[in-house]
């Protein structure tokens, strides 16, 4: 055996490829209603780095959408304290704004009271 160094033939690690998300998936992860987002957001694919940047330092349009809506069904059901199925049973199929959600919470209709009982026995 010799003490001479041997050539390193191991495969070198490859640089990571950026992962891209569709606009629909990015909107779901951000908790926003996609049709209400700006066109440049809806038309593009978004990298995970870009998504992280939007979450840590949201631009004005994203802050406005999160505060005022319209909100997707999952966000509406969460704010009302019921399930998505409860929204479907009540016939609520559209996105709702924060003002509409507040109006329902101030004067809850019978279906909302029933669904809250069902969701939180």
Protein backbone atom coordinates (compact mmCIF):
# COMPACT_ATOMS: atom_id res chain seq x y z
CA UNK A 1 0.00 0.00 0.00
CA UNK A 2 1.16 3.43 -0.78
CA UNK A 3 0.54 6.59 1.12
CA UNK A 4 -0.13 8.54 -2.05
CA UNK A 5 -3.51 10.33 -2.06
CA UNK A 6 -6.14 8.79 -4.28
CA UNK A 7 -8.35 10.68 -6.64
CA UNK A 8 -11.79 11.46 -5.22
CA UNK A 9 -14.29 9.89 -7.59
CA UNK A 10 -17.43 10.46 -5.55
CA UNK A 11 -20.27 12.19 -7.30
CA UNK A 12 -20.43 15.85 -6.38
CA UNK A 13 -23.74 17.11 -4.95
CA UNK A 14 -25.96 18.90 -7.41
CA UNK A 15 -27.21 22.38 -6.63
CA UNK A 16 -30.86 22.33 -5.53
CA UNK A 17 -33.42 23.11 -8.20
CA UNK A 18 -36.00 25.75 -7.32
CA UNK A 19 -39.44 24.24 -6.79
CA UNK A 20 -42.33 26.05 -8.43
CA UNK A 21 -45.95 26.12 -7.31
CA UNK A 22 -48.98 26.90 -9.39
CA UNK A 23 -50.84 30.11 -8.59
CA UNK A 24 -53.70 28.06 -7.15
CA UNK A 25 -51.42 26.19 -4.74
CA UNK A 26 -49.62 29.40 -3.75
CA UNK A 27 -52.97 31.12 -3.07
CA UNK A 28 -54.08 28.19 -0.92
CA UNK A 29 -50.85 28.34 1.10
CA UNK A 30 -51.26 32.11 1.54
CA UNK A 31 -54.92 31.71 2.53
CA UNK A 32 -56.28 34.01 -0.17
CA UNK A 33 -59.03 33.76 -2.77
CA UNK A 34 -57.24 33.37 -6.12
CA UNK A 35 -59.73 35.26 -8.37
CA UNK A 36 -59.29 38.33 -6.13
CA UNK A 37 -55.48 38.30 -6.46
CA UNK A 38 -53.75 40.58 -8.99
CA UNK A 39 -53.44 39.24 -12.52
CA UNK A 40 -49.64 38.99 -12.40
CA UNK A 41 -50.00 36.67 -9.37
CA UNK A 42 -52.70 34.55 -11.04
CA UNK A 43 -50.79 34.14 -14.31
CA UNK A 44 -47.39 33.13 -12.91
CA UNK A 45 -45.84 30.17 -11.17
CA UNK A 46 -44.22 30.94 -7.83
CA UNK A 47 -41.06 29.53 -6.30
CA UNK A 48 -40.94 28.43 -2.69
CA UNK A 49 -38.49 31.26 -1.96
CA UNK A 50 -40.94 33.78 -3.43
CA UNK A 51 -43.77 32.27 -1.38
CA UNK A 52 -41.69 32.51 1.80
CA UNK A 53 -40.91 36.15 0.99
CA UNK A 54 -44.63 36.88 0.52
CA UNK A 55 -45.41 35.27 3.87
CA UNK A 56 -42.70 37.08 5.83
CA UNK A 57 -43.10 40.50 4.20
CA UNK A 58 -46.50 40.67 2.48
CA UNK A 59 -47.06 43.43 -0.09
CA UNK A 60 -49.97 45.86 0.28
CA UNK A 61 -52.34 43.90 -1.98
CA UNK A 62 -51.83 40.73 0.08
CA UNK A 63 -52.36 42.54 3.39
CA UNK A 64 -55.56 44.09 2.02
CA UNK A 65 -56.85 40.73 0.74
CA UNK A 66 -56.18 39.05 4.06
CA UNK A 67 -57.87 41.85 6.01
CA UNK A 68 -60.87 42.68 3.82
CA UNK A 69 -61.36 39.66 1.58
CA UNK A 70 -62.96 38.16 -0.34
CA UNK A 71 -61.89 35.05 1.56
CA UNK A 72 -61.85 31.43 0.33
CA UNK A 73 -64.33 28.92 1.77
CA UNK A 74 -61.83 27.48 4.24
CA UNK A 75 -61.16 30.92 5.71
CA UNK A 76 -64.89 31.77 5.81
CA UNK A 77 -65.71 28.55 7.67
CA UNK A 78 -62.85 29.12 10.11
CA UNK A 79 -63.96 32.69 10.87
CA UNK A 80 -67.57 31.58 11.34
CA UNK A 81 -66.52 28.67 13.57
CA UNK A 82 -68.09 25.97 11.41
CA UNK A 83 -66.91 23.34 8.92
CA UNK A 84 -66.69 23.58 5.14
CA UNK A 85 -69.48 21.00 4.98
CA UNK A 86 -71.60 23.31 7.11
CA UNK A 87 -71.17 26.06 4.53
CA UNK A 88 -72.24 23.65 1.80
CA UNK A 89 -75.31 22.55 3.78
CA UNK A 90 -76.26 26.20 4.23
CA UNK A 91 -75.93 26.82 0.50
CA UNK A 92 -73.02 29.26 0.84
CA UNK A 93 -70.94 28.70 -2.27
CA UNK A 94 -69.35 32.07 -2.87
CA UNK A 95 -66.38 33.72 -1.24
CA UNK A 96 -67.26 36.27 1.42
CA UNK A 97 -65.71 39.55 2.48
CA UNK A 98 -64.80 40.40 6.06
CA UNK A 99 -67.80 42.75 6.26
CA UNK A 100 -70.20 39.97 5.19
CA UNK A 101 -68.69 37.59 7.75
CA UNK A 102 -69.00 40.24 10.49
CA UNK A 103 -72.65 40.83 9.55
CA UNK A 104 -73.36 37.10 9.90
CA UNK A 105 -71.59 36.99 13.26
CA UNK A 106 -73.53 40.02 14.57
CA UNK A 107 -76.93 38.64 13.49
CA UNK A 108 -76.42 34.88 13.14
CA UNK A 109 -79.08 33.17 11.04
CA UNK A 110 -80.58 29.88 12.23
CA UNK A 111 -78.35 27.78 9.97
CA UNK A 112 -75.20 29.35 11.47
CA UNK A 113 -76.36 28.65 15.02
CA UNK A 114 -77.18 25.04 14.08
CA UNK A 115 -73.85 24.52 12.34
CA UNK A 116 -71.92 25.96 15.28
CA UNK A 117 -73.68 23.50 17.59
CA UNK A 118 -72.87 20.70 15.20
CA UNK A 119 -69.21 21.73 14.89
CA UNK A 120 -68.72 22.35 18.63
CA UNK A 121 -70.98 19.93 20.56
